[in-house]
Amino acid sequence: MLGRVNHVAIAVPDLAAAAAAYRDTLGAVVSAPQALPEHGVTVVFVELPNTKVELLEPLGEGSPIAAFLAKNPAGGMHHICYEVADIAAARDGLVQAGARVLGDGTPRTGAHGKPVLFLHPKDFFGTLIELEEV
């Protein structure tokens, strides 16, 4: 079911500073900031030859990233995103196997304009998993 790692997401308290560190210190190519109000985040992507790193900061009231940063003020790994060929089939198989899909189970449009779902971290050893249809 799982394809390649699409990205690893890191929550940061200051997106501009984090983007500058990756760009200026590590020499990475960093995208322009993208606000995703439906997800409560602003993101940039650090482009790598084999995957991406997503840097995200809270956007708006009730952002899940704000709650994460309250517990981890310096930031840290938030989730890992895996690609799947058919997100509905992946969801149905995971639910049948006992995994919990966050929200109502309906895929939402992610930062790449493709359907995404999140899986409960307690079902995957403390790691929040995002699935993205490709």
N, C-alpha and C. Protein backbone atom coordinates (compact mmCIF):
# COMPACT_ATOMS: atom_id res chain seq x y z
N MET A 1 0.81 -1.19 0.00
CA MET A 1 0.00 0.00 0.00
C MET A 1 0.86 1.26 0.00
N LEU A 2 1.88 1.32 0.87
CA LEU A 2 2.70 2.53 0.97
C LEU A 2 3.65 2.66 -0.20
N GLY A 3 3.74 3.89 -0.68
CA GLY A 3 4.74 4.22 -1.68
C GLY A 3 5.92 4.89 -1.00
N ARG A 4 6.53 5.79 -1.69
CA ARG A 4 7.72 6.44 -1.13
C ARG A 4 7.34 7.46 -0.07
N VAL A 5 8.35 7.89 0.69
CA VAL A 5 8.15 8.97 1.65
C VAL A 5 8.01 10.25 0.83
N ASN A 6 6.90 10.94 1.01
CA ASN A 6 6.68 12.19 0.30
C ASN A 6 7.39 13.33 1.02
N HIS A 7 7.21 13.38 2.36
CA HIS A 7 7.91 14.41 3.14
C HIS A 7 7.88 14.06 4.62
N VAL A 8 8.79 14.68 5.33
CA VAL A 8 8.81 14.66 6.79
C VAL A 8 8.49 16.08 7.21
N ALA A 9 7.53 16.22 8.13
CA ALA A 9 7.08 17.55 8.55
C ALA A 9 7.66 17.91 9.91
N ILE A 10 8.18 19.13 10.00
CA ILE A 10 8.76 19.63 11.23
C ILE A 10 8.01 20.89 11.63
N ALA A 11 7.42 20.88 12.81
CA ALA A 11 6.75 22.06 13.35
C ALA A 11 7.81 23.01 13.88
N VAL A 12 7.66 24.29 13.55
CA VAL A 12 8.64 25.28 13.96
C VAL A 12 7.92 26.50 14.56
N PRO A 13 8.54 27.16 15.54
CA PRO A 13 7.90 28.34 16.11
C PRO A 13 8.02 29.59 15.24
N ASP A 14 8.98 29.61 14.31
CA ASP A 14 9.22 30.78 13.45
C ASP A 14 9.57 30.28 12.06
N LEU A 15 8.59 30.28 11.17
CA LEU A 15 8.78 29.72 9.83
C LEU A 15 9.85 30.47 9.03
N ALA A 16 9.87 31.77 9.12
CA ALA A 16 10.86 32.55 8.37
C ALA A 16 12.27 32.21 8.82
N ALA A 17 12.49 32.09 10.13
CA ALA A 17 13.82 31.75 10.65
C ALA A 17 14.21 30.33 10.25
N ALA A 18 13.26 29.40 10.31
CA ALA A 18 13.56 28.01 9.93
C ALA A 18 13.88 27.91 8.45
N ALA A 19 13.10 28.59 7.61
CA ALA A 19 13.36 28.57 6.17
C ALA A 19 14.73 29.17 5.87
N ALA A 20 15.06 30.26 6.55
CA ALA A 20 16.37 30.89 6.34
C ALA A 20 17.50 29.96 6.75
N ALA A 21 17.34 29.24 7.85
CA ALA A 21 18.38 28.31 8.30
C ALA A 21 18.60 27.21 7.27
N TYR A 22 17.53 26.66 6.74
CA TYR A 22 17.68 25.60 5.72
C TYR A 22 18.27 26.16 4.44
N ARG A 23 17.84 27.36 4.05
CA ARG A 23 18.33 27.96 2.81
C ARG A 23 19.76 28.47 2.96
N ASP A 24 20.01 29.27 3.99
CA ASP A 24 21.28 29.98 4.11
C ASP A 24 22.37 29.14 4.76
N THR A 25 22.03 28.31 5.73
CA THR A 25 23.03 27.51 6.42
C THR A 25 23.26 26.17 5.74
N LEU A 26 22.17 25.53 5.32
CA LEU A 26 22.30 24.20 4.70
C LEU A 26 22.35 24.25 3.18
N GLY A 27 22.08 25.40 2.60
CA GLY A 27 22.15 25.54 1.14
C GLY A 27 21.01 24.88 0.40
N ALA A 28 19.87 24.71 1.06
CA ALA A 28 18.72 24.03 0.44
C ALA A 28 17.86 24.99 -0.36
N VAL A 29 17.13 24.41 -1.30
CA VAL A 29 16.11 25.15 -2.04
C VAL A 29 14.84 25.08 -1.21
N VAL A 30 14.29 26.26 -0.89
CA VAL A 30 13.11 26.36 -0.03
C VAL A 30 12.01 27.09 -0.80
N SER A 31 10.81 26.52 -0.79
CA SER A 31 9.68 27.13 -1.50
C SER A 31 9.20 28.39 -0.78
N ALA A 32 8.35 29.13 -1.45
CA ALA A 32 7.68 30.27 -0.83
C ALA A 32 6.67 29.76 0.19
N PRO A 33 6.37 30.55 1.22
CA PRO A 33 5.36 30.14 2.20
C PRO A 33 3.99 29.97 1.55
N GLN A 34 3.26 28.99 2.03
CA GLN A 34 1.91 28.70 1.53
C GLN A 34 0.98 28.57 2.74
N ALA A 35 -0.03 29.42 2.83
CA ALA A 35 -1.02 29.35 3.91
C ALA A 35 -2.06 28.30 3.55
N LEU A 36 -2.34 27.42 4.51
CA LEU A 36 -3.36 26.38 4.35
C LEU A 36 -4.37 26.52 5.49
N PRO A 37 -5.29 27.48 5.39
CA PRO A 37 -6.21 27.73 6.49
C PRO A 37 -7.04 26.51 6.89
N GLU A 38 -7.39 25.66 5.92
CA GLU A 38 -8.20 24.49 6.24
C GLU A 38 -7.45 23.48 7.11
N HIS A 39 -6.12 23.58 7.13
CA HIS A 39 -5.29 22.71 7.97
C HIS A 39 -4.72 23.47 9.18
N GLY A 40 -4.90 24.79 9.21
CA GLY A 40 -4.41 25.58 10.33
C GLY A 40 -2.90 25.76 10.34
N VAL A 41 -2.28 25.78 9.15
CA VAL A 41 -0.82 25.89 9.08
C VAL A 41 -0.39 26.78 7.92
N THR A 42 0.82 27.30 8.04
CA THR A 42 1.55 27.88 6.92
C THR A 42 2.77 27.00 6.74
N VAL A 43 3.08 26.66 5.49
CA VAL A 43 4.16 25.70 5.21
C VAL A 43 5.14 26.24 4.18
N VAL A 44 6.35 25.73 4.25
CA VAL A 44 7.31 25.81 3.16
C VAL A 44 7.86 24.40 2.96
N PHE A 45 8.33 24.13 1.76
CA PHE A 45 8.94 22.84 1.48
C PHE A 45 10.41 23.02 1.15
N VAL A 46 11.22 22.21 1.80
CA VAL A 46 12.65 22.13 1.51
C VAL A 46 12.79 21.00 0.50
N GLU A 47 13.26 21.34 -0.69
CA GLU A 47 13.36 20.35 -1.78
C GLU A 47 14.67 19.59 -1.68
N LEU A 48 14.58 18.28 -1.67
CA LEU A 48 15.75 17.41 -1.62
C LEU A 48 15.72 16.49 -2.84
N PRO A 49 16.83 15.87 -3.21
CA PRO A 49 16.84 15.00 -4.39
C PRO A 49 15.87 13.82 -4.29
N ASN A 50 15.63 13.30 -3.08
CA ASN A 50 14.82 12.10 -2.95
C ASN A 50 13.51 12.29 -2.20
N THR A 51 13.27 13.46 -1.63
CA THR A 51 12.04 13.72 -0.89
C THR A 51 11.97 15.20 -0.55
N LYS A 52 11.10 15.57 0.39
CA LYS A 52 10.98 16.95 0.84
C LYS A 52 10.92 16.97 2.37
N VAL A 53 11.26 18.12 2.94
CA VAL A 53 11.01 18.39 4.35
C VAL A 53 10.01 19.53 4.35
N GLU A 54 8.93 19.35 5.10
CA GLU A 54 7.91 20.39 5.23
C GLU A 54 8.13 21.09 6.57
N LEU A 55 8.32 22.39 6.53
CA LEU A 55 8.40 23.19 7.75
C LEU A 55 7.04 23.85 7.92
N LEU A 56 6.44 23.75 9.11
CA LEU A 56 5.12 24.30 9.29
C LEU A 56 5.01 25.06 10.60
N GLU A 57 4.24 26.14 10.55
CA GLU A 57 3.95 26.93 11.74
C GLU A 57 2.45 27.12 11.84
N PRO A 58 1.96 27.45 13.05
CA PRO A 58 0.51 27.61 13.24
C PRO A 58 -0.05 28.75 12.41
N LEU A 59 -1.31 28.57 11.99
CA LEU A 59 -2.05 29.61 11.29
C LEU A 59 -3.46 29.62 11.86
N GLY A 60 -3.83 30.72 12.48
CA GLY A 60 -5.19 30.87 12.99
C GLY A 60 -5.41 30.22 14.34
N GLU A 61 -6.57 30.53 14.89
CA GLU A 61 -6.97 29.99 16.18
C GLU A 61 -7.23 28.49 16.05
N GLY A 62 -6.85 27.76 17.07
CA GLY A 62 -7.14 26.32 17.08
C GLY A 62 -6.23 25.49 16.20
N SER A 63 -5.13 26.05 15.73
CA SER A 63 -4.21 25.28 14.90
C SER A 63 -3.65 24.10 15.69
N PRO A 64 -3.66 22.90 15.11
CA PRO A 64 -3.06 21.76 15.80
C PRO A 64 -1.56 21.94 16.04
N ILE A 65 -0.93 22.77 15.24
CA ILE A 65 0.51 23.01 15.40
C ILE A 65 0.76 23.87 16.63
N ALA A 66 -0.16 24.77 16.95
CA ALA A 66 -0.01 25.58 18.17
C ALA A 66 0.01 24.68 19.40
N ALA A 67 -0.88 23.68 19.42
CA ALA A 67 -0.91 22.74 20.55
C ALA A 67 0.39 21.93 20.60
N PHE A 68 0.90 21.52 19.46
CA PHE A 68 2.16 20.78 19.39
C PHE A 68 3.30 21.63 19.93
N LEU A 69 3.36 22.90 19.49
CA LEU A 69 4.44 23.78 19.93
C LEU A 69 4.32 24.16 21.41
N ALA A 70 3.11 24.14 21.95
CA ALA A 70 2.96 24.39 23.39
C ALA A 70 3.66 23.30 24.20
N LYS A 71 3.66 22.09 23.68
CA LYS A 71 4.34 20.97 24.34
C LYS A 71 5.81 20.87 23.95
N ASN A 72 6.15 21.41 22.77
CA ASN A 72 7.51 21.35 22.23
C ASN A 72 7.89 22.73 21.73
N PRO A 73 8.21 23.68 22.63
CA PRO A 73 8.40 25.08 22.22
C PRO A 73 9.49 25.31 21.18
N ALA A 74 10.49 24.47 21.13
CA ALA A 74 11.56 24.63 20.15
C ALA A 74 11.19 24.03 18.80
N GLY A 75 10.07 23.30 18.74
CA GLY A 75 9.65 22.62 17.52
C GLY A 75 10.08 21.17 17.54
N GLY A 76 9.84 20.49 16.44
CA GLY A 76 10.23 19.09 16.33
C GLY A 76 9.45 18.39 15.24
N MET A 77 9.79 17.10 15.03
CA MET A 77 9.11 16.33 14.00
C MET A 77 7.63 16.20 14.33
N HIS A 78 6.80 16.54 13.38
CA HIS A 78 5.35 16.50 13.59
C HIS A 78 4.71 15.27 12.96
N HIS A 79 5.05 14.97 11.70
CA HIS A 79 4.48 13.80 11.03
C HIS A 79 5.36 13.38 9.86
N ILE A 80 5.05 12.19 9.35
CA ILE A 80 5.69 11.69 8.14
C ILE A 80 4.59 11.39 7.14
N CYS A 81 4.82 11.75 5.90
CA CYS A 81 3.82 11.57 4.84
C CYS A 81 4.30 10.51 3.85
N TYR A 82 3.44 9.52 3.66
CA TYR A 82 3.70 8.46 2.69
C TYR A 82 2.75 8.61 1.51
N GLU A 83 3.22 8.27 0.34
CA GLU A 83 2.38 8.29 -0.85
C GLU A 83 1.61 6.98 -0.97
N VAL A 84 0.37 7.09 -1.45
CA VAL A 84 -0.46 5.92 -1.77
C VAL A 84 -1.09 6.15 -3.14
N ALA A 85 -1.36 5.06 -3.85
CA ALA A 85 -1.94 5.18 -5.19
C ALA A 85 -3.43 5.50 -5.14
N ASP A 86 -4.12 4.96 -4.14
CA ASP A 86 -5.57 5.13 -4.03
C ASP A 86 -5.91 5.40 -2.57
N ILE A 87 -6.16 6.64 -2.23
CA ILE A 87 -6.35 7.01 -0.83
C ILE A 87 -7.61 6.40 -0.24
N ALA A 88 -8.68 6.29 -1.04
CA ALA A 88 -9.92 5.70 -0.52
C ALA A 88 -9.71 4.22 -0.20
N ALA A 89 -9.04 3.51 -1.08
CA ALA A 89 -8.77 2.09 -0.83
C ALA A 89 -7.84 1.92 0.36
N ALA A 90 -6.83 2.80 0.48
CA ALA A 90 -5.92 2.74 1.63
C ALA A 90 -6.69 2.99 2.91
N ARG A 91 -7.55 4.01 2.93
CA ARG A 91 -8.36 4.32 4.11
C ARG A 91 -9.23 3.13 4.49
N ASP A 92 -9.93 2.57 3.52
CA ASP A 92 -10.85 1.47 3.80
C ASP A 92 -10.12 0.26 4.36
N GLY A 93 -8.96 -0.05 3.79
CA GLY A 93 -8.17 -1.17 4.29
C GLY A 93 -7.64 -0.92 5.69
N LEU A 94 -7.21 0.29 5.96
CA LEU A 94 -6.69 0.64 7.28
C LEU A 94 -7.79 0.59 8.34
N VAL A 95 -8.96 1.13 8.02
CA VAL A 95 -10.08 1.10 8.95
C VAL A 95 -10.48 -0.35 9.23
N GLN A 96 -10.53 -1.15 8.19
CA GLN A 96 -10.87 -2.57 8.36
C GLN A 96 -9.85 -3.28 9.25
N ALA A 97 -8.60 -2.84 9.19
CA ALA A 97 -7.54 -3.43 10.01
C ALA A 97 -7.51 -2.86 11.43
N GLY A 98 -8.38 -1.88 11.70
CA GLY A 98 -8.46 -1.32 13.05
C GLY A 98 -7.75 0.00 13.26
N ALA A 99 -7.17 0.57 12.23
CA ALA A 99 -6.49 1.87 12.36
C ALA A 99 -7.54 2.98 12.39
N ARG A 100 -7.21 4.06 13.10
CA ARG A 100 -8.11 5.20 13.19
C ARG A 100 -7.66 6.32 12.25
N VAL A 101 -8.59 6.76 11.43
CA VAL A 101 -8.37 7.90 10.55
C VAL A 101 -8.87 9.13 11.30
N LEU A 102 -8.08 10.18 11.34
CA LEU A 102 -8.49 11.39 12.05
C LEU A 102 -9.54 12.15 11.24
N GLY A 103 -10.35 12.91 11.93
CA GLY A 103 -11.44 13.64 11.28
C GLY A 103 -12.57 12.69 10.94
N ASP A 104 -13.30 13.03 9.90
CA ASP A 104 -14.45 12.21 9.52
C ASP A 104 -14.10 11.14 8.48
N GLY A 105 -12.82 11.03 8.12
CA GLY A 105 -12.40 10.02 7.16
C GLY A 105 -12.45 10.46 5.71
N THR A 106 -12.95 11.67 5.49
CA THR A 106 -13.01 12.20 4.13
C THR A 106 -11.68 12.86 3.80
N PRO A 107 -11.04 12.46 2.70
CA PRO A 107 -9.78 13.12 2.33
C PRO A 107 -9.99 14.61 2.10
N ARG A 108 -8.99 15.39 2.53
CA ARG A 108 -8.98 16.83 2.29
C ARG A 108 -7.84 17.15 1.33
N THR A 109 -7.90 18.30 0.72
CA THR A 109 -6.84 18.72 -0.20
C THR A 109 -5.65 19.19 0.61
N GLY A 110 -4.48 18.63 0.32
CA GLY A 110 -3.25 18.98 1.02
C GLY A 110 -2.48 20.08 0.30
N ALA A 111 -1.27 20.32 0.78
CA ALA A 111 -0.43 21.40 0.26
C ALA A 111 -0.05 21.21 -1.20
N HIS A 112 -0.04 19.97 -1.68
CA HIS A 112 0.32 19.71 -3.08
C HIS A 112 -0.91 19.63 -3.98
N GLY A 113 -2.08 19.99 -3.42
CA GLY A 113 -3.30 19.95 -4.21
C GLY A 113 -3.86 18.55 -4.40
N LYS A 114 -3.40 17.61 -3.61
CA LYS A 114 -3.83 16.21 -3.73
C LYS A 114 -4.54 15.78 -2.45
N PRO A 115 -5.37 14.74 -2.51
CA PRO A 115 -6.09 14.28 -1.32
C PRO A 115 -5.14 13.73 -0.26
N VAL A 116 -5.42 14.10 1.00
CA VAL A 116 -4.62 13.60 2.13
C VAL A 116 -5.54 13.16 3.27
N LEU A 117 -5.02 12.26 4.08
CA LEU A 117 -5.65 11.79 5.32
C LEU A 117 -4.57 11.67 6.38
N PHE A 118 -4.98 11.76 7.64
CA PHE A 118 -4.05 11.54 8.75
C PHE A 118 -4.51 10.36 9.57
N LEU A 119 -3.55 9.58 10.05
CA LEU A 119 -3.82 8.40 10.87
C LEU A 119 -3.40 8.67 12.31
N HIS A 120 -4.16 8.16 13.25
CA HIS A 120 -3.93 8.43 14.67
C HIS A 120 -2.55 7.94 15.09
N PRO A 121 -1.77 8.80 15.76
CA PRO A 121 -0.42 8.40 16.16
C PRO A 121 -0.38 7.23 17.15
N LYS A 122 -1.42 7.05 17.94
CA LYS A 122 -1.40 5.94 18.90
C LYS A 122 -1.47 4.59 18.20
N ASP A 123 -1.93 4.57 16.95
CA ASP A 123 -1.99 3.32 16.20
C ASP A 123 -0.66 3.01 15.51
N PHE A 124 0.26 3.99 15.49
CA PHE A 124 1.53 3.82 14.78
C PHE A 124 2.71 4.26 15.64
N PHE A 125 2.69 3.80 16.89
CA PHE A 125 3.83 3.91 17.80
C PHE A 125 4.25 5.35 18.05
N GLY A 126 3.25 6.23 18.19
CA GLY A 126 3.51 7.62 18.53
C GLY A 126 3.80 8.52 17.35
N THR A 127 3.66 8.02 16.13
CA THR A 127 3.97 8.83 14.96
C THR A 127 2.68 9.16 14.20
N LEU A 128 2.43 10.45 14.01
CA LEU A 128 1.32 10.89 13.18
C LEU A 128 1.70 10.60 11.73
N ILE A 129 0.81 9.92 11.02
CA ILE A 129 1.07 9.56 9.62
C ILE A 129 0.08 10.27 8.72
N GLU A 130 0.60 10.87 7.69
CA GLU A 130 -0.21 11.46 6.64
C GLU A 130 -0.09 10.57 5.42
N LEU A 131 -1.20 10.33 4.75
CA LEU A 131 -1.21 9.62 3.48
C LEU A 131 -1.61 10.62 2.40
N GLU A 132 -0.88 10.61 1.30
CA GLU A 132 -1.18 11.51 0.18
C GLU A 132 -1.34 10.69 -1.09
N GLU A 133 -2.45 10.88 -1.78
CA GLU A 133 -2.67 10.16 -3.03
C GLU A 133 -1.81 10.78 -4.14
N VAL A 134 -1.14 9.92 -4.89
CA VAL A 134 -0.31 10.41 -6.01
C VAL A 134 -0.72 9.74 -7.31
